[in-house]
Amino acid sequence: MPLTPYHLGVGVFLGVALLRWLDFPTLCIATMIVDIRAIAIYFGLFTGNLHGPLHTVLGGTLLAGLLAAIMFKTKPLWNRLSALFGLAQKRSLYRIVTASLIGIYSHLILDAIMHADMQPLYPLTGNPLLGVLHLSDVYIICVAGFFFGGIFYLIHLYRWKTGRFHMSY
């Protein structure tokens, strides 16, 4: 995996760039939550393959559904936190589900490009994305996501603070 926080770069970029259509906190969490099992294995809490069932389309889709349900239910709490950063959004099941799926699938795609032990299309064997990009390209994508997402956020924040941008979504 690009280290778990690297995945957040994609979430920040897409989350700010597509703020009107995607739920920002859901997208950011979704880009990283796939690694929850891998982190537990890494620290010895579980045993098994780092890229196990959550790193498959089936497992990721189920996780996306669970995450979307939790985020929809807790959206008022997330809005209180998001409002401090000018990112509060109305609760929308569509935006939350879409953000959850995009975040998790982006994680799966980036990891599948890098890791031979992944079987993203399980129960089919193999990894058709392995090596599609060079490893350094994957890291560049993640870091560039942070960079451009940060620029987009600063523009959004300026427009929001000066009253030139109204969050009606």
Protein backbone atom coordinates (compact mmCIF):
# COMPACT_ATOMS: atom_id res chain seq x y z
CA MET A 1 0.00 0.00 0.00
CA PRO A 2 1.16 3.47 -0.34
CA LEU A 3 1.23 4.10 3.39
CA THR A 4 -2.36 4.55 4.52
CA PRO A 5 -2.19 8.35 4.96
CA TYR A 6 -0.98 8.72 1.38
CA HIS A 7 -4.39 7.54 0.20
CA LEU A 8 -5.87 10.60 1.86
CA GLY A 9 -4.28 12.79 -0.83
CA VAL A 10 -6.72 11.41 -3.39
CA GLY A 11 -9.58 11.95 -0.94
CA VAL A 12 -8.65 15.56 -0.23
CA PHE A 13 -8.29 16.39 -3.91
CA LEU A 14 -11.51 14.75 -5.04
CA GLY A 15 -13.36 15.84 -1.91
CA VAL A 16 -12.67 19.55 -2.39
CA ALA A 17 -12.80 19.52 -6.18
CA LEU A 18 -16.15 17.70 -6.15
CA LEU A 19 -17.56 19.16 -2.93
CA ARG A 20 -20.92 19.79 -4.57
CA TRP A 21 -21.34 16.09 -5.43
CA LEU A 22 -19.40 14.14 -2.79
CA ASP A 23 -19.50 14.11 0.99
CA PHE A 24 -16.06 15.32 2.07
CA PRO A 25 -15.57 13.49 5.41
CA THR A 26 -16.95 10.25 4.01
CA LEU A 27 -14.57 10.37 1.06
CA CYS A 28 -11.54 11.05 3.26
CA ILE A 29 -12.38 8.23 5.67
CA ALA A 30 -13.19 5.85 2.81
CA THR A 31 -9.76 6.34 1.24
CA MET A 32 -8.12 4.99 4.39
CA ILE A 33 -10.55 2.64 6.14
CA VAL A 34 -9.75 -0.26 3.82
CA ASP A 35 -6.44 -0.64 5.65
CA ILE A 36 -8.00 -1.12 9.09
CA ARG A 37 -7.49 -4.88 8.93
CA ALA A 38 -4.00 -4.53 7.42
CA ILE A 39 -2.98 -2.20 10.26
CA ALA A 40 -4.28 -4.70 12.82
CA ILE A 41 -2.25 -7.46 11.14
CA TYR A 42 0.85 -5.25 10.94
CA PHE A 43 0.69 -4.59 14.69
CA GLY A 44 0.07 -8.27 15.49
CA LEU A 45 -3.58 -8.02 16.53
CA PHE A 46 -4.60 -10.41 13.71
CA THR A 47 -2.78 -12.79 11.42
CA GLY A 48 -3.15 -13.30 7.70
CA ASN A 49 -2.51 -11.62 4.39
CA LEU A 50 -2.22 -7.81 4.65
CA HIS A 51 -4.34 -7.41 1.55
CA GLY A 52 -7.16 -9.74 2.44
CA PRO A 53 -10.94 -9.56 2.08
CA LEU A 54 -11.30 -5.78 2.43
CA HIS A 55 -8.91 -5.34 -0.49
CA THR A 56 -11.35 -6.97 -2.92
CA VAL A 57 -14.19 -5.40 -4.88
CA LEU A 58 -16.69 -7.52 -2.95
CA GLY A 59 -15.22 -6.76 0.49
CA GLY A 60 -14.68 -3.11 -0.39
CA THR A 61 -18.27 -2.74 -1.60
CA LEU A 62 -19.63 -4.24 1.63
CA LEU A 63 -17.34 -1.96 3.65
CA ALA A 64 -18.52 1.03 1.59
CA GLY A 65 -22.14 0.20 2.44
CA LEU A 66 -21.35 -0.08 6.15
CA LEU A 67 -19.36 3.15 6.12
CA ALA A 68 -22.11 4.98 4.22
CA ALA A 69 -24.73 3.88 6.75
CA ILE A 70 -22.59 5.05 9.67
CA MET A 71 -21.71 8.35 8.00
CA PHE A 72 -25.34 9.06 7.06
CA LYS A 73 -26.45 8.46 10.64
CA THR A 74 -23.65 10.58 12.14
CA LYS A 75 -23.66 13.38 9.52
CA PRO A 76 -24.83 16.06 12.01
CA LEU A 77 -21.73 15.37 14.12
CA TRP A 78 -19.45 15.57 11.10
CA ASN A 79 -21.08 18.83 10.04
CA ARG A 80 -20.25 20.45 13.36
CA LEU A 81 -16.59 19.63 12.80
CA SER A 82 -16.66 20.39 9.07
CA ALA A 83 -18.29 23.79 9.66
CA LEU A 84 -15.10 24.96 11.39
CA PHE A 85 -13.30 24.49 8.08
CA GLY A 86 -16.05 25.78 5.79
CA LEU A 87 -16.90 22.27 4.61
CA ALA A 88 -20.30 21.54 6.16
CA GLN A 89 -22.74 19.95 3.74
CA LYS A 90 -26.40 18.95 3.85
CA ARG A 91 -26.99 15.31 4.59
CA SER A 92 -27.44 13.44 1.32
CA LEU A 93 -27.51 9.67 1.08
CA TYR A 94 -26.48 9.88 -2.58
CA ARG A 95 -23.38 12.01 -1.84
CA ILE A 96 -22.40 9.81 1.10
CA VAL A 97 -22.77 6.50 -0.77
CA THR A 98 -20.99 7.86 -3.83
CA ALA A 99 -18.12 9.24 -1.73
CA SER A 100 -17.82 5.97 0.15
CA LEU A 101 -17.59 3.92 -3.05
CA ILE A 102 -15.17 6.29 -4.79
CA GLY A 103 -12.90 6.49 -1.75
CA ILE A 104 -12.75 2.75 -1.23
CA TYR A 105 -12.38 1.89 -4.92
CA SER A 106 -9.60 4.48 -5.33
CA HIS A 107 -7.79 2.77 -2.46
CA LEU A 108 -8.25 -0.64 -4.05
CA ILE A 109 -6.99 0.57 -7.43
CA LEU A 110 -3.87 2.22 -6.00
CA ASP A 111 -3.04 -0.84 -3.90
CA ALA A 112 -3.74 -3.27 -6.75
CA ILE A 113 -1.22 -1.41 -8.92
CA MET A 114 1.44 -1.91 -6.26
CA HIS A 115 0.89 -5.28 -4.57
CA ALA A 116 1.24 -8.72 -6.07
CA ASP A 117 -0.56 -10.36 -3.13
CA MET A 118 -3.84 -8.59 -3.93
CA GLN A 119 -6.69 -10.37 -5.66
CA PRO A 120 -9.08 -7.46 -6.19
CA LEU A 121 -11.55 -9.51 -8.23
CA TYR A 122 -11.73 -12.42 -5.78
CA PRO A 123 -12.94 -15.19 -6.19
CA LEU A 124 -11.12 -14.77 -9.51
CA THR A 125 -7.38 -15.13 -9.03
CA GLY A 126 -4.76 -12.69 -10.16
CA ASN A 127 -4.35 -8.97 -10.19
CA PRO A 128 -4.91 -7.31 -13.59
CA LEU A 129 -3.74 -3.89 -12.35
CA LEU A 130 -0.39 -4.98 -10.97
CA GLY A 131 2.36 -2.89 -12.49
CA VAL A 132 0.11 -0.71 -14.66
CA LEU A 133 1.99 2.29 -13.22
CA HIS A 134 5.43 2.52 -11.70
CA LEU A 135 5.43 2.59 -7.89
CA SER A 136 6.79 6.13 -7.83
CA ASP A 137 3.89 7.24 -10.05
CA VAL A 138 1.42 5.99 -7.46
CA TYR A 139 3.16 7.99 -4.74
CA ILE A 140 3.28 11.06 -6.99
CA ILE A 141 -0.48 10.77 -7.57
CA CYS A 142 -1.10 10.65 -3.81
CA VAL A 143 1.22 13.57 -2.98
CA ALA A 144 -0.11 15.62 -5.90
CA GLY A 145 -3.60 15.00 -4.53
CA PHE A 146 -2.59 16.61 -1.23
CA PHE A 147 -0.93 19.52 -3.02
CA PHE A 148 -3.73 20.33 -5.48
CA GLY A 149 -6.42 19.49 -2.94
CA GLY A 150 -4.77 21.98 -0.58
CA ILE A 151 -4.76 24.66 -3.27
CA PHE A 152 -8.42 24.00 -4.09
CA TYR A 153 -9.25 24.13 -0.38
CA LEU A 154 -7.50 27.48 0.09
CA ILE A 155 -9.43 28.90 -2.87
CA HIS A 156 -12.66 27.47 -1.45
CA LEU A 157 -11.88 28.86 2.00
CA TYR A 158 -11.12 32.33 0.61
CA ARG A 159 -14.36 32.39 -1.36
CA TRP A 160 -16.32 31.11 1.65
CA LYS A 161 -14.81 33.64 4.09
CA THR A 162 -15.35 36.58 1.72
CA GLY A 163 -18.97 35.60 1.06
CA ARG A 164 -18.36 34.81 -2.61
CA PHE A 165 -19.26 31.19 -2.14
CA HIS A 166 -22.35 29.92 -0.43
CA MET A 167 -22.54 26.33 0.80
CA SER A 168 -26.08 25.44 -0.11
CA TYR A 169 -25.33 21.78 -0.65
